[in-house]
Amino acid sequence: MQAVTLNENSGQHLFARQMGTGEPVLILHGLLGSSDNWTAVARDLAESYTVFSLDLRNHGRSFHSDHFGYPAMADDVKRFIQQHGLNNVSIIGHSMGGKTAMQFAYRYPERLRKLVVVDIAPKAYPPQNLNAVDALLNLDLATISRLSQADEKLQPAIPDPSERLSHLKNLKRGPEGTYHWQVNLNAIRRNYLIISGAITNGSYAKDCLFIRGRESDYIQDADWDDVLKRFPLAQLETIPDAGHWVHIQARQSFLRTVLDYLAL
């Protein structure tokens, strides 16, 4: 694990977990996620690649900022790559991380070897996760003495157990024994409409892979023509028995699909 300074004057940094050897692969998590969500996948990928699982700004152990949008996050990733001296990078991005990866591909295509976008399209989405953000903000942490209590209280607003587990990784116990949110919920709430918006100002003319869960509605058949306008060489793979959290719900199938593509 290591933290990388992005701006020495401001103290901003991205935190990353690094493992393995070989060509570099960056993993970008989704909204309210972190590098923790990808540990099992990263460990398997690290058998063949040097894997960097990043905490994006306002998430995990990375810096907090009121400025929160895809151009800024894409530039964060670019600086991370520069400071590590990486070349021919492959990026795997899930949900918000997938949109960040798309923005990066629009702006810096020459830096990418392979692009994998997981269960997200470049379109705008309705505020379907806003209830989850509000539920986390409204959780009275003073009444929480163990994670199971938080899980129980969040269940009505966030019924999907995989989603709750992902979000609860942001809840940390301090040295005094009380819990706090590691994620910057206030900045996320203020910028939610930006994060749910479209990534349409660009295109990417190299091959790439989009992966969706069959039980997810994030990439619908009707979306594919629009995806191809932005990513004309894109391929689409559908993973059975998985929803939006495809890398958790069908990890082995997901890994086989990703490894086959990266090996091309």
C-alpha atoms as a PDB file:
ATOM      1  CA  MET A   1       0.000   0.000   0.000  1.00  0.00           C
ATOM      2  CA  GLN A   2       1.134   3.529  -0.637  1.00  0.00           C
ATOM      3  CA  ALA A   3      -0.092   7.090  -0.883  1.00  0.00           C
ATOM      4  CA  VAL A   4       0.961   9.328  -3.761  1.00  0.00           C
ATOM      5  CA  THR A   5       1.139  13.130  -3.515  1.00  0.00           C
ATOM      6  CA  LEU A   6      -0.678  14.845  -6.352  1.00  0.00           C
ATOM      7  CA  ASN A   7       0.016  18.416  -5.359  1.00  0.00           C
ATOM      8  CA  GLU A   8       2.809  19.000  -2.876  1.00  0.00           C
ATOM      9  CA  ASN A   9       1.584  22.515  -2.154  1.00  0.00           C
ATOM     10  CA  SER A  10      -1.932  21.471  -1.214  1.00  0.00           C
ATOM     11  CA  GLY A  11      -1.202  18.097   0.364  1.00  0.00           C
ATOM     12  CA  GLN A  12      -3.662  16.360  -1.931  1.00  0.00           C
ATOM     13  CA  HIS A  13      -2.973  12.690  -2.532  1.00  0.00           C
ATOM     14  CA  LEU A  14      -4.512   9.516  -3.872  1.00  0.00           C
ATOM     15  CA  PHE A  15      -4.136   6.386  -1.816  1.00  0.00           C
ATOM     16  CA  ALA A  16      -3.437   3.156  -3.678  1.00  0.00           C
ATOM     17  CA  ARG A  17      -2.964  -0.494  -2.820  1.00  0.00           C
ATOM     18  CA  GLN A  18      -0.261  -2.030  -4.989  1.00  0.00           C
ATOM     19  CA  MET A  19       0.437  -5.717  -5.522  1.00  0.00           C
ATOM     20  CA  GLY A  20       1.867  -8.074  -8.131  1.00  0.00           C
ATOM     21  CA  THR A  21       4.327  -7.691 -10.998  1.00  0.00           C
ATOM     22  CA  GLY A  22       3.969  -7.176 -14.729  1.00  0.00           C
ATOM     23  CA  GLU A  23       2.155  -4.621 -16.869  1.00  0.00           C
ATOM     24  CA  PRO A  24       0.210  -2.028 -14.853  1.00  0.00           C
ATOM     25  CA  VAL A  25      -3.532  -2.319 -14.254  1.00  0.00           C
ATOM     26  CA  LEU A  26      -5.425   0.418 -12.391  1.00  0.00           C
ATOM     27  CA  ILE A  27      -8.752  -0.300 -10.678  1.00  0.00           C
ATOM     28  CA  LEU A  28     -11.221   2.550 -10.092  1.00  0.00           C
ATOM     29  CA  HIS A  29     -14.088   1.869  -7.677  1.00  0.00           C
ATOM     30  CA  GLY A  30     -17.654   3.118  -7.774  1.00  0.00           C
ATOM     31  CA  LEU A  31     -19.522   5.778  -5.813  1.00  0.00           C
ATOM     32  CA  LEU A  32     -19.237   5.275  -2.040  1.00  0.00           C
ATOM     33  CA  GLY A  33     -16.730   2.479  -2.660  1.00  0.00           C
ATOM     34  CA  SER A  34     -12.991   2.235  -2.138  1.00  0.00           C
ATOM     35  CA  SER A  35     -10.001   0.100  -3.005  1.00  0.00           C
ATOM     36  CA  ASP A  36     -11.141  -2.263  -0.220  1.00  0.00           C
ATOM     37  CA  ASN A  37     -14.031  -3.410  -2.424  1.00  0.00           C
ATOM     38  CA  TRP A  38     -11.593  -4.789  -4.987  1.00  0.00           C
ATOM     39  CA  THR A  39      -9.073  -6.639  -2.810  1.00  0.00           C
ATOM     40  CA  ALA A  40     -10.065 -10.138  -3.931  1.00  0.00           C
ATOM     41  CA  VAL A  41     -10.124  -9.214  -7.632  1.00  0.00           C
ATOM     42  CA  ALA A  42      -6.842  -7.308  -7.332  1.00  0.00           C
ATOM     43  CA  ARG A  43      -5.169 -10.271  -5.647  1.00  0.00           C
ATOM     44  CA  ASP A  44      -6.163 -12.568  -8.512  1.00  0.00           C
ATOM     45  CA  LEU A  45      -5.136 -10.069 -11.191  1.00  0.00           C
ATOM     46  CA  ALA A  46      -1.810  -9.571  -9.408  1.00  0.00           C
ATOM     47  CA  GLU A  47      -0.777 -13.072 -10.429  1.00  0.00           C
ATOM     48  CA  SER A  48      -0.210 -11.637 -13.905  1.00  0.00           C
ATOM     49  CA  TYR A  49      -0.094  -7.838 -13.519  1.00  0.00           C
ATOM     50  CA  THR A  50       1.040  -5.016 -11.265  1.00  0.00           C
ATOM     51  CA  VAL A  51      -2.288  -3.886  -9.849  1.00  0.00           C
ATOM     52  CA  PHE A  52      -2.962  -0.462  -8.353  1.00  0.00           C
ATOM     53  CA  SER A  53      -6.349  -0.226  -6.615  1.00  0.00           C
ATOM     54  CA  LEU A  54      -7.007   3.479  -6.162  1.00  0.00           C
ATOM     55  CA  ASP A  55      -9.149   5.425  -3.731  1.00  0.00           C
ATOM     56  CA  LEU A  56     -10.621   8.236  -5.822  1.00  0.00           C
ATOM     57  CA  ARG A  57     -10.921  11.733  -4.370  1.00  0.00           C
ATOM     58  CA  ASN A  58     -13.434  12.053  -1.511  1.00  0.00           C
ATOM     59  CA  HIS A  59     -13.256   8.275  -0.985  1.00  0.00           C
ATOM     60  CA  GLY A  60     -11.233   5.898   1.158  1.00  0.00           C
ATOM     61  CA  ARG A  61      -7.898   7.261   2.328  1.00  0.00           C
ATOM     62  CA  SER A  62      -7.566   9.798  -0.489  1.00  0.00           C
ATOM     63  CA  PHE A  63      -7.956  13.545  -0.114  1.00  0.00           C
ATOM     64  CA  HIS A  64     -11.239  15.393   0.284  1.00  0.00           C
ATOM     65  CA  SER A  65     -12.226  18.259  -1.994  1.00  0.00           C
ATOM     66  CA  ASP A  66     -15.325  20.358  -2.663  1.00  0.00           C
ATOM     67  CA  HIS A  67     -14.455  20.054  -6.373  1.00  0.00           C
ATOM     68  CA  PHE A  68     -15.850  16.694  -7.430  1.00  0.00           C
ATOM     69  CA  GLY A  69     -16.401  15.754 -11.066  1.00  0.00           C
ATOM     70  CA  TYR A  70     -15.111  13.495 -13.815  1.00  0.00           C
ATOM     71  CA  PRO A  71     -12.545  15.822 -15.444  1.00  0.00           C
ATOM     72  CA  ALA A  72     -10.937  16.373 -12.030  1.00  0.00           C
ATOM     73  CA  MET A  73     -10.914  12.642 -11.223  1.00  0.00           C
ATOM     74  CA  ALA A  74      -9.501  11.786 -14.667  1.00  0.00           C
ATOM     75  CA  ASP A  75      -6.701  14.291 -14.091  1.00  0.00           C
ATOM     76  CA  ASP A  76      -6.044  12.754 -10.658  1.00  0.00           C
ATOM     77  CA  VAL A  77      -5.537   9.400 -12.385  1.00  0.00           C
ATOM     78  CA  LYS A  78      -3.248  10.972 -14.982  1.00  0.00           C
ATOM     79  CA  ARG A  79      -1.034  12.483 -12.282  1.00  0.00           C
ATOM     80  CA  PHE A  80      -0.953   9.166 -10.450  1.00  0.00           C
ATOM     81  CA  ILE A  81       0.283   7.481 -13.629  1.00  0.00           C
ATOM     82  CA  GLN A  82       2.877  10.182 -14.213  1.00  0.00           C
ATOM     83  CA  GLN A  83       4.236  10.077 -10.686  1.00  0.00           C
ATOM     84  CA  HIS A  84       4.592   6.307 -10.862  1.00  0.00           C
ATOM     85  CA  GLY A  85       6.240   6.483 -14.276  1.00  0.00           C
ATOM     86  CA  LEU A  86       3.706   4.020 -15.709  1.00  0.00           C
ATOM     87  CA  ASN A  87       3.289   3.239 -19.404  1.00  0.00           C
ATOM     88  CA  ASN A  88       0.772   1.189 -21.408  1.00  0.00           C
ATOM     89  CA  VAL A  89      -1.695   1.264 -18.543  1.00  0.00           C
ATOM     90  CA  SER A  90      -4.906  -0.753 -18.493  1.00  0.00           C
ATOM     91  CA  ILE A  91      -7.810   0.650 -16.470  1.00  0.00           C
ATOM     92  CA  ILE A  92     -10.773  -1.203 -14.977  1.00  0.00           C
ATOM     93  CA  GLY A  93     -13.512   1.127 -13.758  1.00  0.00           C
ATOM     94  CA  HIS A  94     -16.791   0.209 -12.077  1.00  0.00           C
ATOM     95  CA  SER A  95     -19.831   2.499 -12.057  1.00  0.00           C
ATOM     96  CA  MET A  96     -18.539   5.979 -11.084  1.00  0.00           C
ATOM     97  CA  GLY A  97     -15.038   4.606 -11.629  1.00  0.00           C
ATOM     98  CA  GLY A  98     -16.175   3.445 -15.066  1.00  0.00           C
ATOM     99  CA  LYS A  99     -17.264   6.961 -15.951  1.00  0.00           C
ATOM    100  CA  THR A 100     -13.951   8.270 -14.640  1.00  0.00           C
ATOM    101  CA  ALA A 101     -12.198   5.732 -16.871  1.00  0.00           C
ATOM    102  CA  MET A 102     -14.275   6.863 -19.866  1.00  0.00           C
ATOM    103  CA  GLN A 103     -13.376  10.497 -19.176  1.00  0.00           C
ATOM    104  CA  PHE A 104      -9.722   9.497 -18.930  1.00  0.00           C
ATOM    105  CA  ALA A 105      -9.983   7.642 -22.262  1.00  0.00           C
ATOM    106  CA  TYR A 106     -11.474  10.710 -23.960  1.00  0.00           C
ATOM    107  CA  ARG A 107      -8.702  12.967 -22.664  1.00  0.00           C
ATOM    108  CA  TYR A 108      -5.635  10.712 -22.643  1.00  0.00           C
ATOM    109  CA  PRO A 109      -6.149   7.838 -25.134  1.00  0.00           C
ATOM    110  CA  GLU A 110      -2.422   7.568 -25.831  1.00  0.00           C
ATOM    111  CA  ARG A 111      -1.803   6.474 -22.239  1.00  0.00           C
ATOM    112  CA  LEU A 112      -4.195   3.517 -22.363  1.00  0.00           C
ATOM    113  CA  ARG A 113      -3.439  -0.040 -23.457  1.00  0.00           C
ATOM    114  CA  LYS A 114      -6.785  -1.551 -22.455  1.00  0.00           C
ATOM    115  CA  LEU A 115     -10.019  -0.116 -21.067  1.00  0.00           C
ATOM    116  CA  VAL A 116     -12.605  -2.136 -19.124  1.00  0.00           C
ATOM    117  CA  VAL A 117     -15.839  -0.387 -18.125  1.00  0.00           C
ATOM    118  CA  VAL A 118     -17.944  -2.309 -15.614  1.00  0.00           C
ATOM    119  CA  ASP A 119     -21.740  -1.933 -15.566  1.00  0.00           C
ATOM    120  CA  ILE A 120     -22.087   1.694 -16.545  1.00  0.00           C
ATOM    121  CA  ALA A 121     -22.845   3.579 -19.776  1.00  0.00           C
ATOM    122  CA  PRO A 122     -21.782   7.126 -20.687  1.00  0.00           C
ATOM    123  CA  LYS A 123     -25.383   8.336 -20.360  1.00  0.00           C
ATOM    124  CA  ALA A 124     -26.948  10.341 -17.543  1.00  0.00           C
ATOM    125  CA  TYR A 125     -28.738   8.333 -14.861  1.00  0.00           C
ATOM    126  CA  PRO A 126     -31.639   9.238 -12.605  1.00  0.00           C
ATOM    127  CA  PRO A 127     -30.678   9.927  -8.965  1.00  0.00           C
ATOM    128  CA  GLN A 128     -31.175   6.283  -8.034  1.00  0.00           C
ATOM    129  CA  ASN A 129     -28.405   6.242  -5.420  1.00  0.00           C
ATOM    130  CA  LEU A 130     -29.407   9.493  -3.777  1.00  0.00           C
ATOM    131  CA  ASN A 131     -31.481   7.643  -1.179  1.00  0.00           C
ATOM    132  CA  ALA A 132     -28.372   5.677  -0.190  1.00  0.00           C
ATOM    133  CA  VAL A 133     -26.296   8.852   0.183  1.00  0.00           C
ATOM    134  CA  ASP A 134     -29.012  10.455   2.290  1.00  0.00           C
ATOM    135  CA  ALA A 135     -29.373   7.299   4.387  1.00  0.00           C
ATOM    136  CA  LEU A 136     -25.661   7.388   5.233  1.00  0.00           C
ATOM    137  CA  LEU A 137     -25.793  11.101   6.006  1.00  0.00           C
ATOM    138  CA  ASN A 138     -28.824  10.629   8.261  1.00  0.00           C
ATOM    139  CA  LEU A 139     -27.430   7.663  10.175  1.00  0.00           C
ATOM    140  CA  ASP A 140     -26.964   8.751  13.785  1.00  0.00           C
ATOM    141  CA  LEU A 141     -23.427   7.546  14.431  1.00  0.00           C
ATOM    142  CA  ALA A 142     -23.716   8.374  18.118  1.00  0.00           C
ATOM    143  CA  THR A 143     -26.112   5.418  18.440  1.00  0.00           C
ATOM    144  CA  ILE A 144     -23.801   2.941  16.668  1.00  0.00           C
ATOM    145  CA  SER A 145     -21.531   0.714  18.738  1.00  0.00           C
ATOM    146  CA  ARG A 146     -20.978  -2.052  16.177  1.00  0.00           C
ATOM    147  CA  LEU A 147     -21.253  -2.406  12.403  1.00  0.00           C
ATOM    148  CA  SER A 148     -24.172  -4.834  12.594  1.00  0.00           C
ATOM    149  CA  GLN A 149     -26.294  -2.041  14.083  1.00  0.00           C
ATOM    150  CA  ALA A 150     -25.457   0.259  11.180  1.00  0.00           C
ATOM    151  CA  ASP A 151     -26.234  -2.527   8.715  1.00  0.00           C
ATOM    152  CA  GLU A 152     -29.638  -3.076  10.325  1.00  0.00           C
ATOM    153  CA  LYS A 153     -30.515   0.618  10.333  1.00  0.00           C
ATOM    154  CA  LEU A 154     -29.530   1.035   6.669  1.00  0.00           C
ATOM    155  CA  GLN A 155     -31.431  -2.002   5.401  1.00  0.00           C
ATOM    156  CA  PRO A 156     -34.754  -0.221   4.696  1.00  0.00           C
ATOM    157  CA  ALA A 157     -33.070   2.398   2.481  1.00  0.00           C
ATOM    158  CA  ILE A 158     -30.422   0.053   1.014  1.00  0.00           C
ATOM    159  CA  PRO A 159     -31.965  -3.432   0.718  1.00  0.00           C
ATOM    160  CA  ASP A 160     -29.165  -4.926  -1.423  1.00  0.00           C
ATOM    161  CA  PRO A 161     -26.720  -6.604   1.033  1.00  0.00           C
ATOM    162  CA  SER A 162     -23.775  -6.320  -1.403  1.00  0.00           C
ATOM    163  CA  GLU A 163     -24.383  -2.584  -1.701  1.00  0.00           C
ATOM    164  CA  ARG A 164     -24.688  -2.139   2.072  1.00  0.00           C
ATOM    165  CA  LEU A 165     -21.479  -4.089   2.651  1.00  0.00           C
ATOM    166  CA  SER A 166     -19.676  -1.864   0.168  1.00  0.00           C
ATOM    167  CA  HIS A 167     -20.953   1.339   1.788  1.00  0.00           C
ATOM    168  CA  LEU A 168     -20.219   0.159   5.327  1.00  0.00           C
ATOM    169  CA  LYS A 169     -16.538  -0.214   4.462  1.00  0.00           C
ATOM    170  CA  ASN A 170     -16.530   3.595   4.707  1.00  0.00           C
ATOM    171  CA  LEU A 171     -17.541   3.475   8.382  1.00  0.00           C
ATOM    172  CA  LYS A 172     -14.444   3.562  10.567  1.00  0.00           C
ATOM    173  CA  ARG A 173     -13.975   3.418  14.325  1.00  0.00           C
ATOM    174  CA  GLY A 174     -11.720   6.112  15.767  1.00  0.00           C
ATOM    175  CA  PRO A 175      -9.271   5.681  18.645  1.00  0.00           C
ATOM    176  CA  GLU A 176     -11.902   6.964  21.074  1.00  0.00           C
ATOM    177  CA  GLY A 177     -14.228   4.140  20.002  1.00  0.00           C
ATOM    178  CA  THR A 178     -16.770   6.212  18.076  1.00  0.00           C
ATOM    179  CA  TYR A 179     -17.549   5.736  14.390  1.00  0.00           C
ATOM    180  CA  HIS A 180     -17.033   8.239  11.580  1.00  0.00           C
ATOM    181  CA  TRP A 181     -17.464   8.255   7.800  1.00  0.00           C
ATOM    182  CA  GLN A 182     -14.202   8.086   5.886  1.00  0.00           C
ATOM    183  CA  VAL A 183     -15.979   9.099   2.668  1.00  0.00           C
ATOM    184  CA  ASN A 184     -16.790  12.783   2.088  1.00  0.00           C
ATOM    185  CA  LEU A 185     -20.580  12.439   2.091  1.00  0.00           C
ATOM    186  CA  ASN A 186     -21.249  16.183   2.076  1.00  0.00           C
ATOM    187  CA  ALA A 187     -19.236  16.783  -1.110  1.00  0.00           C
ATOM    188  CA  ILE A 188     -20.838  13.757  -2.759  1.00  0.00           C
ATOM    189  CA  ARG A 189     -24.326  14.984  -1.861  1.00  0.00           C
ATOM    190  CA  ARG A 190     -23.650  18.494  -3.191  1.00  0.00           C
ATOM    191  CA  ASN A 191     -22.216  17.168  -6.470  1.00  0.00           C
ATOM    192  CA  TYR A 192     -24.517  14.208  -6.953  1.00  0.00           C
ATOM    193  CA  LEU A 193     -26.158  15.524 -10.126  1.00  0.00           C
ATOM    194  CA  ILE A 194     -22.718  15.965 -11.691  1.00  0.00           C
ATOM    195  CA  ILE A 195     -21.711  12.415 -10.803  1.00  0.00           C
ATOM    196  CA  SER A 196     -24.942  10.980 -12.198  1.00  0.00           C
ATOM    197  CA  GLY A 197     -24.604  13.046 -15.382  1.00  0.00           C
ATOM    198  CA  ALA A 198     -23.461  11.970 -18.841  1.00  0.00           C
ATOM    199  CA  ILE A 199     -19.882  11.607 -20.104  1.00  0.00           C
ATOM    200  CA  THR A 200     -20.483  12.688 -23.692  1.00  0.00           C
ATOM    201  CA  ASN A 201     -17.827  15.298 -24.453  1.00  0.00           C
ATOM    202  CA  GLY A 202     -15.440  13.037 -26.342  1.00  0.00           C
ATOM    203  CA  SER A 203     -14.859   9.667 -27.948  1.00  0.00           C
ATOM    204  CA  TYR A 204     -12.358   6.802 -27.810  1.00  0.00           C
ATOM    205  CA  ALA A 205     -11.329   5.075 -31.033  1.00  0.00           C
ATOM    206  CA  LYS A 206      -9.393   2.127 -29.555  1.00  0.00           C
ATOM    207  CA  ASP A 207     -10.757  -1.264 -28.566  1.00  0.00           C
ATOM    208  CA  CYS A 208     -12.378  -1.548 -25.132  1.00  0.00           C
ATOM    209  CA  LEU A 209     -14.592  -3.887 -23.151  1.00  0.00           C
ATOM    210  CA  PHE A 210     -17.894  -3.121 -21.423  1.00  0.00           C
ATOM    211  CA  ILE A 211     -19.088  -5.684 -18.871  1.00  0.00           C
ATOM    212  CA  ARG A 212     -22.588  -5.804 -17.416  1.00  0.00           C
ATOM    213  CA  GLY A 213     -24.445  -8.046 -14.996  1.00  0.00           C
ATOM    214  CA  ARG A 214     -27.446  -9.748 -16.543  1.00  0.00           C
ATOM    215  CA  GLU A 215     -29.619  -8.757 -13.559  1.00  0.00           C
ATOM    216  CA  SER A 216     -28.491  -5.118 -13.709  1.00  0.00           C
ATOM    217  CA  ASP A 217     -30.273  -2.374 -15.635  1.00  0.00           C
ATOM    218  CA  TYR A 218     -27.308   0.012 -15.804  1.00  0.00           C
ATOM    219  CA  ILE A 219     -26.384  -0.981 -19.388  1.00  0.00           C
ATOM    220  CA  GLN A 220     -29.548  -1.791 -21.292  1.00  0.00           C
ATOM    221  CA  ASP A 221     -29.730  -3.116 -24.844  1.00  0.00           C
ATOM    222  CA  ALA A 222     -31.138   0.245 -25.922  1.00  0.00           C
ATOM    223  CA  ASP A 223     -28.007   1.992 -24.632  1.00  0.00           C
ATOM    224  CA  TRP A 224     -25.584   0.132 -26.870  1.00  0.00           C
ATOM    225  CA  ASP A 225     -25.964   2.269 -30.011  1.00  0.00           C
ATOM    226  CA  ASP A 226     -25.133   5.339 -27.932  1.00  0.00           C
ATOM    227  CA  VAL A 227     -22.116   3.578 -26.412  1.00  0.00           C
ATOM    228  CA  LEU A 228     -20.840   2.749 -29.901  1.00  0.00           C
ATOM    229  CA  LYS A 229     -21.060   6.403 -30.933  1.00  0.00           C
ATOM    230  CA  ARG A 230     -18.486   7.190 -28.238  1.00  0.00           C
ATOM    231  CA  PHE A 231     -16.618   3.881 -28.266  1.00  0.00           C
ATOM    232  CA  PRO A 232     -16.937   2.500 -31.826  1.00  0.00           C
ATOM    233  CA  LEU A 233     -14.671  -0.516 -31.161  1.00  0.00           C
ATOM    234  CA  ALA A 234     -16.343  -1.488 -27.885  1.00  0.00           C
ATOM    235  CA  GLN A 235     -17.290  -5.074 -27.083  1.00  0.00           C
ATOM    236  CA  LEU A 236     -20.024  -6.023 -24.611  1.00  0.00           C
ATOM    237  CA  GLU A 237     -19.943  -9.047 -22.322  1.00  0.00           C
ATOM    238  CA  THR A 238     -22.871  -9.990 -20.073  1.00  0.00           C
ATOM    239  CA  ILE A 239     -22.146 -11.951 -16.883  1.00  0.00           C
ATOM    240  CA  PRO A 240     -24.963 -14.313 -15.786  1.00  0.00           C
ATOM    241  CA  ASP A 241     -26.242 -14.431 -12.205  1.00  0.00           C
ATOM    242  CA  ALA A 242     -24.941 -10.956 -11.371  1.00  0.00           C
ATOM    243  CA  GLY A 243     -26.323  -7.478 -10.873  1.00  0.00           C
ATOM    244  CA  HIS A 244     -24.538  -4.141 -10.657  1.00  0.00           C
ATOM    245  CA  TRP A 245     -21.938  -5.549  -8.216  1.00  0.00           C
ATOM    246  CA  VAL A 246     -20.805  -8.047 -10.836  1.00  0.00           C
ATOM    247  CA  HIS A 247     -17.202  -8.264  -9.564  1.00  0.00           C
ATOM    248  CA  ILE A 248     -18.531  -9.382  -6.163  1.00  0.00           C
ATOM    249  CA  GLN A 249     -21.566 -11.437  -7.175  1.00  0.00           C
ATOM    250  CA  ALA A 250     -19.849 -13.392  -9.982  1.00  0.00           C
ATOM    251  CA  ARG A 251     -16.157 -12.839  -9.295  1.00  0.00           C
ATOM    252  CA  GLN A 252     -14.779 -15.894 -11.099  1.00  0.00           C
ATOM    253  CA  SER A 253     -16.769 -15.245 -14.286  1.00  0.00           C
ATOM    254  CA  PHE A 254     -15.826 -11.588 -14.099  1.00  0.00           C
ATOM    255  CA  LEU A 255     -12.132 -12.433 -13.694  1.00  0.00           C
ATOM    256  CA  ARG A 256     -12.116 -14.840 -16.624  1.00  0.00           C
ATOM    257  CA  THR A 257     -13.706 -12.215 -18.840  1.00  0.00           C
ATOM    258  CA  VAL A 258     -11.252  -9.503 -17.797  1.00  0.00           C
ATOM    259  CA  LEU A 259      -8.159 -11.705 -18.010  1.00  0.00           C
ATOM    260  CA  ASP A 260      -9.113 -12.966 -21.462  1.00  0.00           C
ATOM    261  CA  TYR A 261      -9.503  -9.401 -22.681  1.00  0.00           C
ATOM    262  CA  LEU A 262      -6.300  -8.092 -21.090  1.00  0.00           C
ATOM    263  CA  ALA A 263      -4.328 -10.943 -22.669  1.00  0.00           C
ATOM    264  CA  LEU A 264      -5.318  -9.923 -26.216  1.00  0.00           C
END
